Amino acid sequence: MTRNKPTNHQTDHHEEGVDVPYQDVNPETLRNLIEEFVSRDGSDWGDAGGTMEAKIDQVLRQFKAGKIKVVFDLASQTANIVPKL
């Protein structure tokens, strides 16, 4: 019977990534990741304006407050900043 074959393909399609403590990310790499995050089209920064440095500081405060995290996607080999659930 072929029904007894393991089906590992399901887990391969739903890889969520690996949480990486922001403190473990190289400071220059973290800054680049944050700069990319705050400069994306469609970011929800509203009309607050502000300098890039102010936005970076805001993101760092959110990291320190535990509101966001860095996730490394194993499939795409990319890192992203996402809200903690």
C-alpha atoms as a PDB file:
ATOM      1  CA  MET A   1       0.000   0.000   0.000  1.00  0.00           C
ATOM      2  CA  THR A   2       1.266   3.448  -0.814  1.00  0.00           C
ATOM      3  CA  ARG A   3      -0.697   5.072   2.002  1.00  0.00           C
ATOM      4  CA  ASN A   4       2.032   4.152   4.479  1.00  0.00           C
ATOM      5  CA  LYS A   5       4.563   6.435   2.821  1.00  0.00           C
ATOM      6  CA  PRO A   6       5.512   9.415   4.980  1.00  0.00           C
ATOM      7  CA  THR A   7       4.444  12.782   3.634  1.00  0.00           C
ATOM      8  CA  ASN A   8       7.145  15.246   4.623  1.00  0.00           C
ATOM      9  CA  HIS A   9       6.254  17.711   1.895  1.00  0.00           C
ATOM     10  CA  GLN A  10       3.631  19.471   4.039  1.00  0.00           C
ATOM     11  CA  THR A  11       6.134  20.834   6.530  1.00  0.00           C
ATOM     12  CA  ASP A  12       8.396  22.022   3.707  1.00  0.00           C
ATOM     13  CA  HIS A  13       5.695  24.335   2.393  1.00  0.00           C
ATOM     14  CA  HIS A  14       4.921  25.971   5.713  1.00  0.00           C
ATOM     15  CA  GLU A  15       8.335  27.014   6.981  1.00  0.00           C
ATOM     16  CA  GLU A  16       7.799  30.027   9.219  1.00  0.00           C
ATOM     17  CA  GLY A  17      11.398  30.876   9.860  1.00  0.00           C
ATOM     18  CA  VAL A  18      13.675  31.138  12.840  1.00  0.00           C
ATOM     19  CA  ASP A  19      13.437  33.853  15.472  1.00  0.00           C
ATOM     20  CA  VAL A  20      16.752  35.651  15.909  1.00  0.00           C
ATOM     21  CA  PRO A  21      17.256  37.832  19.004  1.00  0.00           C
ATOM     22  CA  TYR A  22      17.970  41.330  17.712  1.00  0.00           C
ATOM     23  CA  GLN A  23      20.871  41.571  20.174  1.00  0.00           C
ATOM     24  CA  ASP A  24      22.557  38.689  18.327  1.00  0.00           C
ATOM     25  CA  VAL A  25      22.454  40.473  14.961  1.00  0.00           C
ATOM     26  CA  ASN A  26      25.600  42.359  13.937  1.00  0.00           C
ATOM     27  CA  PRO A  27      24.884  46.067  14.724  1.00  0.00           C
ATOM     28  CA  GLU A  28      25.598  47.192  11.152  1.00  0.00           C
ATOM     29  CA  THR A  29      23.398  44.436   9.740  1.00  0.00           C
ATOM     30  CA  LEU A  30      20.610  45.311  12.184  1.00  0.00           C
ATOM     31  CA  ARG A  31      20.788  48.977  11.195  1.00  0.00           C
ATOM     32  CA  ASN A  32      20.608  48.044   7.496  1.00  0.00           C
ATOM     33  CA  LEU A  33      17.630  45.782   8.188  1.00  0.00           C
ATOM     34  CA  ILE A  34      15.857  48.558  10.109  1.00  0.00           C
ATOM     35  CA  GLU A  35      16.616  51.142   7.395  1.00  0.00           C
ATOM     36  CA  GLU A  36      15.147  48.831   4.772  1.00  0.00           C
ATOM     37  CA  PHE A  37      12.124  48.205   7.013  1.00  0.00           C
ATOM     38  CA  VAL A  38      11.306  51.888   7.596  1.00  0.00           C
ATOM     39  CA  SER A  39      11.886  52.892   3.969  1.00  0.00           C
ATOM     40  CA  ARG A  40       9.584  50.292   2.393  1.00  0.00           C
ATOM     41  CA  ASP A  41       6.714  51.484   0.275  1.00  0.00           C
ATOM     42  CA  GLY A  42       3.496  51.140   2.207  1.00  0.00           C
ATOM     43  CA  SER A  43       5.080  51.416   5.636  1.00  0.00           C
ATOM     44  CA  ASP A  44       2.612  52.579   8.232  1.00  0.00           C
ATOM     45  CA  TRP A  45       4.479  55.692   9.289  1.00  0.00           C
ATOM     46  CA  GLY A  46       1.590  58.011   8.440  1.00  0.00           C
ATOM     47  CA  ASP A  47       2.364  61.696   8.147  1.00  0.00           C
ATOM     48  CA  ALA A  48       4.628  61.617  11.173  1.00  0.00           C
ATOM     49  CA  GLY A  49       7.551  62.541   8.948  1.00  0.00           C
ATOM     50  CA  GLY A  50      10.733  62.617  10.937  1.00  0.00           C
ATOM     51  CA  THR A  51      14.231  61.749   9.991  1.00  0.00           C
ATOM     52  CA  MET A  52      15.479  58.304   9.147  1.00  0.00           C
ATOM     53  CA  GLU A  53      17.387  58.368  12.438  1.00  0.00           C
ATOM     54  CA  ALA A  54      14.176  59.075  14.393  1.00  0.00           C
ATOM     55  CA  LYS A  55      12.433  56.168  12.673  1.00  0.00           C
ATOM     56  CA  ILE A  56      15.376  53.866  13.403  1.00  0.00           C
ATOM     57  CA  ASP A  57      15.277  54.910  17.065  1.00  0.00           C
ATOM     58  CA  GLN A  58      11.556  54.174  17.161  1.00  0.00           C
ATOM     59  CA  VAL A  59      12.113  50.669  15.774  1.00  0.00           C
ATOM     60  CA  LEU A  60      14.928  50.044  18.274  1.00  0.00           C
ATOM     61  CA  ARG A  61      12.566  51.075  21.098  1.00  0.00           C
ATOM     62  CA  GLN A  62      10.021  48.560  19.795  1.00  0.00           C
ATOM     63  CA  PHE A  63      12.694  45.830  19.837  1.00  0.00           C
ATOM     64  CA  LYS A  64      13.637  46.718  23.424  1.00  0.00           C
ATOM     65  CA  ALA A  65       9.960  46.750  24.455  1.00  0.00           C
ATOM     66  CA  GLY A  66       9.504  43.271  22.989  1.00  0.00           C
ATOM     67  CA  LYS A  67       6.903  44.373  20.431  1.00  0.00           C
ATOM     68  CA  ILE A  68       8.793  43.227  17.316  1.00  0.00           C
ATOM     69  CA  LYS A  69      11.346  40.578  16.399  1.00  0.00           C
ATOM     70  CA  VAL A  70      13.736  39.514  13.652  1.00  0.00           C
ATOM     71  CA  VAL A  71      12.758  36.358  11.772  1.00  0.00           C
ATOM     72  CA  PHE A  72      15.079  34.581   9.347  1.00  0.00           C
ATOM     73  CA  ASP A  73      13.220  32.730   6.585  1.00  0.00           C
ATOM     74  CA  LEU A  74      15.120  29.550   5.771  1.00  0.00           C
ATOM     75  CA  ALA A  75      13.428  29.128   2.389  1.00  0.00           C
ATOM     76  CA  SER A  76      14.244  32.581   1.009  1.00  0.00           C
ATOM     77  CA  GLN A  77      17.398  33.113   3.108  1.00  0.00           C
ATOM     78  CA  THR A  78      16.145  36.568   4.118  1.00  0.00           C
ATOM     79  CA  ALA A  79      15.533  38.331   7.417  1.00  0.00           C
ATOM     80  CA  ASN A  80      12.512  40.435   8.248  1.00  0.00           C
ATOM     81  CA  ILE A  81      11.152  42.483  11.125  1.00  0.00           C
ATOM     82  CA  VAL A  82       7.729  41.318  12.252  1.00  0.00           C
ATOM     83  CA  PRO A  83       5.398  42.011  15.181  1.00  0.00           C
ATOM     84  CA  LYS A  84       5.501  39.595  18.096  1.00  0.00           C
ATOM     85  CA  LEU A  85       2.207  37.805  18.532  1.00  0.00           C
END
